[in-house]
Amino acid sequence: MPELEGLVAELATNVVPEVDPAACLAQVEVLEALKAALAAAQVRATAAFAAAEVRRLEERAAEARRAGAVSGRGPAPAGVVAAQVGLVRRESPARGRVLVSAASALVADLPRTLEALGRGVMTEERAMVIVRETADLTAEERRAVDAELTTPVGPPDGFDEHGNPRWDDPTGEGQCAGLGTEALRRLVQKLALRHDSTGVARRRERARARRRVTGRLLGDGTGRISVVVKTEHYAQVMAALARATASARSEGDERSADQVRADTLVARVTGVDPVAPVPVELHLVVPATGLLGQPGAPAEPGWVLGGPGAPAGGVIPAGICRDLFAQAAEAGVAAVRRVFADPEDGRLVAMESSNRTFAGLLARLVRIRDGGTCRTPWCDAPAKHVDHVDPAAAGGPTRESNGQGLCEACNQVKEAPGWSSYVGVNGQTHLTTPAGATYTSRHTPLAC
């Protein structure tokens, strides 16, 4: 560990040659190989930690069962492992789960890919492509694809003393050599189909079972909704939107075809006219000068808060804030709720409650304060729950300063043995993991 910390310190002060272009490029090449080798080392450490931590958690659960301990539904070991890996890598718990799964796959089923990564001849991104495109294969099928990927194309250059074919391939990249990321993806897909013992039908059924809807606010007054549906439903949806577009254009609708398709989808899902103002309460944390458009006032952006279970809110320009407010006011459906902030640092004013649960306006205040996003460091998931930082069972008060918005996964993980949290100065939340590491989270001021 000290030598790795020394390497980080050395690279942090690395001086790049100023006048020798060849030396600059040589350094870039070596650092790229070093980055890949470090990624491989990180993979091995992650897989080792995951295996050890899962064993520890399972042994602890078995001891609790033998002792007759009764507990509610707790987080799965995989979730606890993913949360810790996400924190140390400054990633979300969801990303942590992906990284743990990939590390386990590389160590157990894709050893040649991991070896190429460790030698610096394959990037982490390309290794992840191989992991993803072989995810539906069995362990044996995965290892077969891994071996074929790293075997050069064409007849061997010779044979070793055991009669095994030998190629003059010093890098060990095999068929991956020189391929771009998309070309590599296509190659892995081809090999996966070749080695899939149950054929395309099983892969098709798994893909159809993973249909889903995802969404994300884009921060410019729009949001993107992505839907993965069955092929036959895709055809029906696109045909229906095409008919609506043709009908609207024939009636002289001035909207573009793309606008008509988008508005039609909104109307048919929600039953709301997407062109008319809607009766909603907008949580816009924005200076009054920006909302009213006073001359000379800075054009401070606003913030739209996503509801519980919805994507987290996003920043929108002050002009769009004013347009939304004006349209809603003209239609008589505007509701304005004042949210006061400390003028020095933008923190929202505290609100006390005698309840032991965060509900009503108190829960809404916490969600607005946290921007509708989970307070766990580096987690971007929507805050579905509002819970205590210092647990209520331990005497933690039910007030804004002791509340935090959390996604479902993080809210479960913090209840696992070895996890603790407390409120520090200026509203900072401190989270300690079973490994003894402490991470600090501070909500971003929404109004300054």
Protein backbone atom coordinates (compact mmCIF):
# COMPACT_ATOMS: atom_id res chain seq x y z
CA MET A 1 0.00 0.00 0.00
CA PRO A 2 2.72 2.62 0.81
CA GLU A 3 4.35 2.04 -2.58
CA LEU A 4 1.02 2.58 -4.35
CA GLU A 5 0.42 5.77 -2.38
CA GLY A 6 3.92 6.87 -3.35
CA LEU A 7 3.14 6.21 -7.01
CA VAL A 8 0.02 8.41 -6.77
CA ALA A 9 2.06 11.20 -5.18
CA GLU A 10 4.74 10.90 -7.84
CA LEU A 11 2.26 11.04 -10.70
CA ALA A 12 0.51 14.01 -9.12
CA THR A 13 3.72 16.01 -9.50
CA ASN A 14 4.75 14.51 -12.82
CA VAL A 15 6.52 17.02 -15.07
CA VAL A 16 5.81 16.63 -18.78
CA PRO A 17 8.70 17.33 -21.19
CA GLU A 18 8.23 20.81 -22.63
CA VAL A 19 10.00 20.76 -25.97
CA ASP A 20 10.27 17.12 -27.08
CA PRO A 21 7.04 15.97 -28.81
CA ALA A 22 8.34 12.41 -29.13
CA ALA A 23 8.99 12.24 -25.39
CA CYS A 24 5.50 13.59 -24.70
CA LEU A 25 3.89 10.90 -26.84
CA ALA A 26 6.08 8.21 -25.30
CA GLN A 27 4.94 9.31 -21.85
CA VAL A 28 1.29 9.26 -22.93
CA GLU A 29 1.75 5.69 -24.23
CA VAL A 30 3.41 4.46 -21.05
CA LEU A 31 0.82 6.16 -18.84
CA GLU A 32 -1.98 4.54 -20.89
CA ALA A 33 -0.43 1.12 -20.29
CA LEU A 34 0.02 1.99 -16.60
CA LYS A 35 -3.61 3.06 -16.36
CA ALA A 36 -4.73 -0.31 -17.78
CA ALA A 37 -2.39 -2.22 -15.46
CA LEU A 38 -3.77 -0.31 -12.48
CA ALA A 39 -7.31 -1.12 -13.64
CA ALA A 40 -6.39 -4.83 -13.68
CA ALA A 41 -4.94 -4.59 -10.18
CA GLN A 42 -8.11 -2.82 -9.07
CA VAL A 43 -10.18 -5.64 -10.57
CA ARG A 44 -8.28 -8.30 -8.62
CA ALA A 45 -8.54 -6.35 -5.37
CA THR A 46 -12.27 -5.77 -5.93
CA ALA A 47 -12.96 -9.45 -6.62
CA ALA A 48 -10.97 -10.51 -3.53
CA PHE A 49 -12.80 -8.00 -1.32
CA ALA A 50 -16.20 -9.03 -2.69
CA ALA A 51 -15.58 -12.72 -2.01
CA ALA A 52 -14.29 -12.08 1.52
CA GLU A 53 -17.05 -9.62 2.42
CA VAL A 54 -19.82 -11.90 1.16
CA ARG A 55 -18.39 -14.74 3.26
CA ARG A 56 -18.24 -12.47 6.32
CA LEU A 57 -21.81 -11.29 5.90
CA GLU A 58 -23.13 -14.81 5.31
CA GLU A 59 -21.30 -16.13 8.40
CA ARG A 60 -22.68 -13.29 10.48
CA ALA A 61 -26.21 -13.98 9.23
CA ALA A 62 -25.80 -17.71 10.01
CA GLU A 63 -24.64 -16.89 13.55
CA ALA A 64 -27.69 -14.63 14.02
CA ARG A 65 -30.02 -17.42 12.86
CA ARG A 66 -28.39 -19.94 15.23
CA ALA A 67 -28.81 -17.45 18.08
CA GLY A 68 -32.49 -17.09 17.22
CA ALA A 69 -32.19 -13.46 16.28
CA VAL A 70 -35.24 -12.15 14.47
CA SER A 71 -34.70 -9.33 12.04
CA GLY A 72 -36.59 -7.74 9.22
CA ARG A 73 -35.61 -7.85 5.61
CA GLY A 74 -32.11 -6.46 5.36
CA PRO A 75 -29.90 -5.57 2.42
CA ALA A 76 -28.48 -8.43 0.36
CA PRO A 77 -24.72 -9.03 0.74
CA ALA A 78 -24.22 -8.00 -2.89
CA GLY A 79 -25.77 -4.60 -2.15
CA VAL A 80 -23.54 -4.02 0.88
CA VAL A 81 -20.45 -4.97 -1.14
CA ALA A 82 -21.47 -2.74 -4.07
CA ALA A 83 -22.09 0.23 -1.78
CA GLN A 84 -18.60 0.02 -0.28
CA VAL A 85 -16.89 -0.41 -3.66
CA GLY A 86 -18.87 2.52 -5.04
CA LEU A 87 -17.75 4.75 -2.19
CA VAL A 88 -14.04 3.95 -2.45
CA ARG A 89 -14.18 4.45 -6.24
CA ARG A 90 -16.24 7.65 -5.92
CA GLU A 91 -19.08 6.06 -7.86
CA SER A 92 -22.76 5.43 -7.15
CA PRO A 93 -23.87 2.15 -5.51
CA ALA A 94 -25.46 1.13 -8.82
CA ARG A 95 -22.13 1.63 -10.59
CA GLY A 96 -20.44 -0.19 -7.72
CA ARG A 97 -22.62 -3.22 -8.40
CA VAL A 98 -21.56 -3.18 -12.06
CA LEU A 99 -17.88 -2.92 -11.09
CA VAL A 100 -18.10 -5.81 -8.61
CA SER A 101 -19.87 -8.03 -11.13
CA ALA A 102 -17.32 -7.18 -13.82
CA ALA A 103 -14.38 -7.84 -11.49
CA SER A 104 -15.75 -11.25 -10.49
CA ALA A 105 -16.34 -12.16 -14.15
CA LEU A 106 -12.85 -11.08 -15.25
CA VAL A 107 -11.11 -13.01 -12.48
CA ALA A 108 -13.21 -16.18 -12.73
CA ASP A 109 -14.26 -16.44 -16.39
CA LEU A 110 -12.18 -14.04 -18.50
CA PRO A 111 -8.59 -14.56 -17.31
CA ARG A 112 -6.95 -13.84 -20.68
CA THR A 113 -8.82 -10.55 -21.01
CA LEU A 114 -7.69 -9.65 -17.50
CA GLU A 115 -4.12 -10.63 -18.37
CA ALA A 116 -4.16 -8.37 -21.46
CA LEU A 117 -5.54 -5.55 -19.31
CA GLY A 118 -2.77 -6.10 -16.76
CA ARG A 119 -0.08 -5.93 -19.44
CA GLY A 120 -1.48 -2.62 -20.62
CA VAL A 121 -2.40 -3.81 -24.13
CA MET A 122 -6.17 -3.52 -23.53
CA THR A 123 -8.05 -0.57 -22.06
CA GLU A 124 -10.55 -0.86 -19.21
CA GLU A 125 -13.34 0.30 -21.54
CA ARG A 126 -12.65 -2.51 -24.01
CA ALA A 127 -12.43 -5.08 -21.22
CA MET A 128 -15.86 -3.93 -20.01
CA VAL A 129 -17.21 -4.43 -23.55
CA ILE A 130 -16.13 -8.08 -23.38
CA VAL A 131 -17.71 -8.44 -19.93
CA ARG A 132 -21.04 -6.98 -21.06
CA GLU A 133 -21.30 -8.86 -24.35
CA THR A 134 -20.63 -12.24 -22.70
CA ALA A 135 -22.88 -11.65 -19.68
CA ASP A 136 -25.56 -14.09 -20.90
CA LEU A 137 -23.14 -16.98 -21.40
CA THR A 138 -22.34 -19.75 -18.95
CA ALA A 139 -18.93 -19.75 -17.24
CA GLU A 140 -17.65 -22.41 -19.66
CA GLU A 141 -18.94 -20.53 -22.70
CA ARG A 142 -17.40 -17.31 -21.41
CA ARG A 143 -13.99 -18.94 -21.01
CA ALA A 144 -14.22 -20.34 -24.54
CA VAL A 145 -14.93 -16.87 -25.97
CA ASP A 146 -12.11 -15.43 -23.85
CA ALA A 147 -9.65 -17.98 -25.25
CA GLU A 148 -10.75 -17.44 -28.84
CA LEU A 149 -10.55 -13.67 -28.54
CA THR A 150 -6.90 -13.82 -27.55
CA THR A 151 -5.96 -16.40 -30.22
CA PRO A 152 -4.61 -14.86 -33.44
CA VAL A 153 -6.37 -15.51 -36.73
CA GLY A 154 -4.66 -17.73 -39.29
CA PRO A 155 -2.39 -20.76 -39.15
CA PRO A 156 0.08 -21.00 -36.25
CA ASP A 157 3.67 -19.86 -36.66
CA GLY A 158 4.91 -23.05 -35.03
CA PHE A 159 4.35 -25.52 -32.21
CA ASP A 160 5.76 -25.79 -28.70
CA GLU A 161 7.40 -28.88 -27.19
CA HIS A 162 3.98 -30.27 -26.28
CA GLY A 163 2.63 -29.92 -29.80
CA ASN A 164 0.43 -26.93 -29.00
CA PRO A 165 0.12 -24.29 -31.73
CA ARG A 166 2.17 -21.11 -31.25
CA TRP A 167 1.68 -17.70 -32.86
CA ASP A 168 4.13 -14.84 -33.03
CA ASP A 169 1.91 -12.51 -31.01
CA PRO A 170 4.06 -10.66 -28.45
CA THR A 171 1.17 -8.54 -27.17
CA GLY A 172 -1.22 -11.42 -26.63
CA GLU A 173 -4.13 -9.41 -28.04
CA GLY A 174 -5.00 -12.06 -30.60
CA GLN A 175 -8.10 -11.18 -32.64
CA CYS A 176 -8.57 -8.01 -30.57
CA ALA A 177 -5.44 -6.42 -32.00
CA GLY A 178 -6.13 -3.18 -33.84
CA LEU A 179 -9.91 -3.34 -33.46
CA GLY A 180 -11.92 -0.28 -32.51
CA THR A 181 -14.39 -0.49 -29.64
CA GLU A 182 -17.42 -1.03 -31.89
CA ALA A 183 -15.60 -3.59 -34.04
CA LEU A 184 -14.59 -5.43 -30.86
CA ARG A 185 -18.20 -5.40 -29.69
CA ARG A 186 -19.35 -7.00 -32.95
CA LEU A 187 -16.60 -9.63 -32.75
CA VAL A 188 -17.52 -10.58 -29.18
CA GLN A 189 -21.20 -10.76 -30.13
CA LYS A 190 -20.36 -13.11 -33.01
CA LEU A 191 -18.24 -15.38 -30.83
CA ALA A 192 -20.87 -15.33 -28.07
CA LEU A 193 -23.53 -16.51 -30.51
CA ARG A 194 -21.19 -19.22 -31.77
CA HIS A 195 -20.50 -20.56 -28.28
CA ASP A 196 -24.00 -20.08 -26.83
CA SER A 197 -25.04 -23.68 -26.19
CA THR A 198 -28.76 -22.91 -26.14
CA GLY A 199 -28.75 -20.64 -29.18
CA VAL A 200 -30.32 -17.33 -30.02
CA ALA A 201 -33.77 -18.16 -28.61
CA ARG A 202 -32.62 -18.04 -24.99
CA ARG A 203 -30.80 -14.75 -25.56
CA ARG A 204 -33.92 -13.30 -27.19
CA GLU A 205 -36.13 -14.30 -24.26
CA ARG A 206 -33.72 -12.80 -21.73
CA ALA A 207 -33.61 -9.55 -23.69
CA ARG A 208 -37.41 -9.38 -23.86
CA ALA A 209 -37.65 -9.99 -20.12
CA ARG A 210 -35.42 -6.94 -19.51
CA ARG A 211 -37.87 -4.44 -21.02
CA ARG A 212 -37.88 -1.24 -18.99
CA VAL A 213 -38.43 2.52 -18.85
CA THR A 214 -35.71 4.95 -17.79
CA GLY A 215 -35.70 8.73 -17.63
CA ARG A 216 -33.34 11.63 -17.11
CA LEU A 217 -33.79 15.39 -16.94
CA LEU A 218 -31.36 17.07 -19.32
CA GLY A 219 -31.06 20.39 -17.50
CA ASP A 220 -32.26 22.52 -20.43
CA GLY A 221 -36.00 22.41 -19.79
CA THR A 222 -36.38 18.94 -21.35
CA GLY A 223 -36.12 15.32 -20.24
CA ARG A 224 -35.28 12.10 -22.01
CA ILE A 225 -37.47 9.01 -21.57
CA SER A 226 -36.04 5.76 -22.93
CA VAL A 227 -38.21 2.67 -23.33
CA VAL A 228 -37.13 -0.87 -24.17
CA VAL A 229 -40.14 -2.87 -25.37
CA LYS A 230 -40.85 -6.06 -27.26
CA THR A 231 -40.31 -5.91 -31.02
CA GLU A 232 -43.99 -6.23 -31.85
CA HIS A 233 -44.90 -3.44 -29.42
CA TYR A 234 -42.16 -1.22 -30.83
CA ALA A 235 -43.69 -1.55 -34.28
CA GLN A 236 -47.18 -0.73 -32.97
CA VAL A 237 -46.01 2.33 -31.00
CA MET A 238 -44.04 3.76 -33.93
CA ALA A 239 -46.94 3.14 -36.33
CA ALA A 240 -49.38 4.90 -33.98
CA LEU A 241 -47.08 7.90 -33.65
CA ALA A 242 -46.62 8.03 -37.41
CA ARG A 243 -50.40 8.08 -37.91
CA ALA A 244 -50.80 10.87 -35.33
CA THR A 245 -48.06 12.87 -37.02
CA ALA A 246 -49.61 12.49 -40.47
CA SER A 247 -53.03 13.51 -39.14
CA ALA A 248 -51.68 16.59 -37.35
CA ARG A 249 -49.69 17.75 -40.37
CA SER A 250 -52.69 17.29 -42.67
CA GLU A 251 -54.72 19.54 -40.36
CA GLY A 252 -52.11 22.29 -40.62
CA ASP A 253 -50.44 21.74 -37.24
CA GLU A 254 -47.39 24.03 -37.09
CA ARG A 255 -45.39 21.72 -34.85
CA SER A 256 -42.59 19.68 -36.38
CA ALA A 257 -43.00 15.94 -36.86
CA ASP A 258 -40.69 15.27 -33.92
CA GLN A 259 -42.66 17.63 -31.69
CA VAL A 260 -45.94 15.98 -32.63
CA ARG A 261 -44.59 12.50 -31.88
CA ALA A 262 -43.23 13.61 -28.50
CA ASP A 263 -46.42 15.47 -27.52
CA THR A 264 -48.61 12.58 -28.67
CA LEU A 265 -46.66 10.14 -26.51
CA VAL A 266 -47.05 12.41 -23.47
CA ALA A 267 -50.78 12.85 -24.11
CA ARG A 268 -51.45 9.13 -24.49
CA VAL A 269 -49.44 8.13 -21.42
CA THR A 270 -50.68 10.87 -19.07
CA GLY A 271 -54.01 11.93 -20.56
CA VAL A 272 -52.81 15.53 -20.30
CA ASP A 273 -52.70 18.00 -23.18
CA PRO A 274 -48.94 18.64 -23.44
CA VAL A 275 -49.49 22.02 -25.10
CA ALA A 276 -51.79 23.50 -22.43
CA PRO A 277 -50.57 24.66 -18.97
CA VAL A 278 -51.04 21.93 -16.37
CA PRO A 279 -52.13 22.39 -12.73
CA VAL A 280 -48.91 21.48 -10.94
CA GLU A 281 -47.06 22.84 -7.96
CA LEU A 282 -43.57 23.73 -9.14
CA HIS A 283 -40.77 23.53 -6.60
CA LEU A 284 -38.59 26.25 -8.07
CA VAL A 285 -35.77 27.25 -5.76
CA VAL A 286 -34.79 30.47 -7.50
CA PRO A 287 -34.13 34.04 -6.31
CA ALA A 288 -37.24 36.21 -6.54
CA THR A 289 -35.38 38.66 -8.77
CA GLY A 290 -34.75 35.88 -11.28
CA LEU A 291 -38.37 34.72 -11.22
CA LEU A 292 -39.83 38.21 -11.61
CA GLY A 293 -37.26 39.28 -14.20
CA GLN A 294 -36.32 42.55 -12.57
CA PRO A 295 -34.07 44.76 -14.71
CA GLY A 296 -30.40 44.33 -13.92
CA ALA A 297 -30.99 41.21 -11.82
CA PRO A 298 -28.66 38.28 -12.51
CA ALA A 299 -30.24 35.53 -14.59
CA GLU A 300 -29.96 32.89 -11.87
CA PRO A 301 -31.22 29.47 -12.99
CA GLY A 302 -34.00 27.59 -11.21
CA TRP A 303 -34.44 24.05 -10.03
CA VAL A 304 -37.29 21.66 -10.75
CA LEU A 305 -37.64 18.92 -8.16
CA GLY A 306 -38.51 15.40 -9.23
CA GLY A 307 -41.19 13.68 -7.16
CA PRO A 308 -40.63 10.55 -5.01
CA GLY A 309 -39.62 7.70 -7.29
CA ALA A 310 -39.12 10.04 -10.24
CA PRO A 311 -35.78 11.09 -11.72
CA ALA A 312 -33.93 13.68 -9.70
CA GLY A 313 -34.59 17.32 -10.51
CA GLY A 314 -32.50 19.49 -12.74
CA VAL A 315 -31.37 23.03 -13.33
CA ILE A 316 -33.39 25.05 -15.83
CA PRO A 317 -32.73 28.57 -17.16
CA ALA A 318 -34.35 31.53 -15.42
CA GLY A 319 -36.22 32.38 -18.64
CA ILE A 320 -37.96 29.01 -18.66
CA CYS A 321 -38.81 29.48 -14.96
CA ARG A 322 -40.52 32.77 -15.80
CA ASP A 323 -42.36 31.21 -18.77
CA LEU A 324 -43.65 28.31 -16.67
CA PHE A 325 -44.83 30.65 -13.95
CA ALA A 326 -46.47 33.05 -16.40
CA GLN A 327 -48.29 30.30 -18.31
CA ALA A 328 -49.56 28.67 -15.12
CA ALA A 329 -50.62 32.01 -13.63
CA GLU A 330 -52.50 32.99 -16.78
CA ALA A 331 -54.37 29.68 -16.68
CA GLY A 332 -55.13 30.09 -12.98
CA VAL A 333 -53.23 26.96 -11.96
CA ALA A 334 -50.08 28.47 -10.42
CA ALA A 335 -49.15 27.63 -6.84
CA VAL A 336 -46.15 29.31 -5.22
CA ARG A 337 -44.64 28.05 -1.99
CA ARG A 338 -41.85 30.12 -0.46
CA VAL A 339 -38.72 28.29 0.65
CA PHE A 340 -36.38 30.48 2.68
CA ALA A 341 -32.61 30.09 2.57
CA ASP A 342 -29.71 31.33 4.66
CA PRO A 343 -28.31 34.31 2.68
CA GLU A 344 -24.72 33.38 3.56
CA ASP A 345 -24.43 29.84 2.26
CA GLY A 346 -27.79 29.06 0.62
CA ARG A 347 -28.85 26.41 3.17
CA LEU A 348 -32.61 26.07 3.49
CA VAL A 349 -34.24 27.10 6.79
CA ALA A 350 -34.73 24.27 9.29
CA MET A 351 -38.18 22.94 10.10
CA GLU A 352 -39.00 21.13 13.35
CA SER A 353 -41.51 18.32 13.74
CA SER A 354 -42.77 16.32 16.71
CA ASN A 355 -43.34 13.24 14.53
CA ARG A 356 -40.94 10.29 14.37
CA THR A 357 -41.33 10.06 10.59
CA PHE A 358 -40.57 12.56 7.85
CA ALA A 359 -43.85 13.36 6.15
CA GLY A 360 -45.76 16.23 4.57
CA LEU A 361 -43.99 19.56 4.29
CA LEU A 362 -40.98 18.39 6.32
CA ALA A 363 -40.26 15.55 3.89
CA ARG A 364 -40.84 17.93 1.00
CA LEU A 365 -38.39 20.44 2.47
CA VAL A 366 -35.68 17.77 2.82
CA ARG A 367 -36.24 16.63 -0.77
CA ILE A 368 -36.02 20.20 -2.04
CA ARG A 369 -32.90 20.83 0.03
CA ASP A 370 -31.19 17.70 -1.33
CA GLY A 371 -32.32 18.38 -4.88
CA GLY A 372 -34.35 15.16 -4.98
CA THR A 373 -31.12 13.12 -5.16
CA CYS A 374 -29.76 10.51 -2.78
CA ARG A 375 -27.38 12.05 -0.21
CA THR A 376 -24.91 9.13 -0.32
CA PRO A 377 -21.68 10.46 -1.87
CA TRP A 378 -21.52 9.91 -5.64
CA CYS A 379 -25.01 8.36 -5.80
CA ASP A 380 -27.19 9.95 -8.50
CA ALA A 381 -30.33 7.89 -7.84
CA PRO A 382 -33.63 9.64 -7.01
CA ALA A 383 -34.33 10.02 -3.29
CA LYS A 384 -37.31 7.71 -2.70
CA HIS A 385 -37.06 7.85 1.10
CA VAL A 386 -36.50 10.56 3.68
CA ASP A 387 -34.93 9.14 6.83
CA HIS A 388 -32.94 10.09 9.92
CA VAL A 389 -29.17 10.56 9.81
CA ASP A 390 -28.84 9.93 13.56
CA PRO A 391 -31.38 7.06 13.95
CA ALA A 392 -34.65 7.83 15.71
CA ALA A 393 -34.18 4.64 17.77
CA ALA A 394 -31.00 6.18 19.17
CA GLY A 395 -32.70 9.47 19.99
CA GLY A 396 -32.07 11.24 16.71
CA PRO A 397 -34.51 14.18 16.30
CA THR A 398 -37.03 14.41 13.47
CA ARG A 399 -36.07 17.74 11.98
CA GLU A 400 -34.66 19.03 8.74
CA SER A 401 -31.05 19.09 9.92
CA ASN A 402 -31.23 15.38 10.84
CA GLY A 403 -33.06 14.30 7.70
CA GLN A 404 -31.63 13.02 4.44
CA GLY A 405 -33.04 11.89 1.13
CA LEU A 406 -31.91 8.38 0.21
CA CYS A 407 -32.54 5.97 -2.62
CA GLU A 408 -34.01 2.59 -1.68
CA ALA A 409 -30.69 0.73 -1.94
CA CYS A 410 -28.72 3.20 0.21
CA ASN A 411 -31.50 3.36 2.81
CA GLN A 412 -31.30 -0.42 3.21
CA VAL A 413 -27.50 -0.58 3.24
CA LYS A 414 -27.13 1.96 6.04
CA GLU A 415 -29.10 -0.40 8.32
CA ALA A 416 -26.56 -3.22 7.82
CA PRO A 417 -24.20 -4.03 10.71
CA GLY A 418 -21.08 -1.90 10.78
CA TRP A 419 -22.60 1.16 9.10
CA SER A 420 -23.17 4.42 10.99
CA SER A 421 -23.84 8.07 10.23
CA TYR A 422 -24.08 11.38 12.03
CA VAL A 423 -24.65 15.07 11.30
CA GLY A 424 -21.61 17.33 11.45
CA VAL A 425 -21.23 21.09 11.22
CA ASN A 426 -23.06 23.12 8.57
CA GLY A 427 -25.42 20.26 7.78
CA GLN A 428 -22.72 17.87 6.59
CA THR A 429 -23.54 14.16 6.80
CA HIS A 430 -20.77 11.73 7.75
CA LEU A 431 -21.13 8.08 6.72
CA THR A 432 -18.85 5.34 8.12
CA THR A 433 -18.59 1.90 6.47
CA PRO A 434 -17.73 -1.47 8.08
CA ALA A 435 -14.16 -1.02 6.82
CA GLY A 436 -13.82 2.09 9.00
CA ALA A 437 -13.74 4.58 6.12
CA THR A 438 -15.73 7.80 6.60
CA TYR A 439 -17.27 9.82 3.76
CA THR A 440 -18.75 13.30 3.95
CA SER A 441 -21.74 14.58 2.01
CA ARG A 442 -23.03 18.14 1.80
CA HIS A 443 -26.10 19.19 -0.14
CA THR A 444 -25.52 21.67 -2.93
CA PRO A 445 -26.95 25.12 -2.10
CA LEU A 446 -29.96 25.68 -4.33
CA ALA A 447 -30.49 29.33 -3.52
CA CYS A 448 -27.68 31.82 -2.88
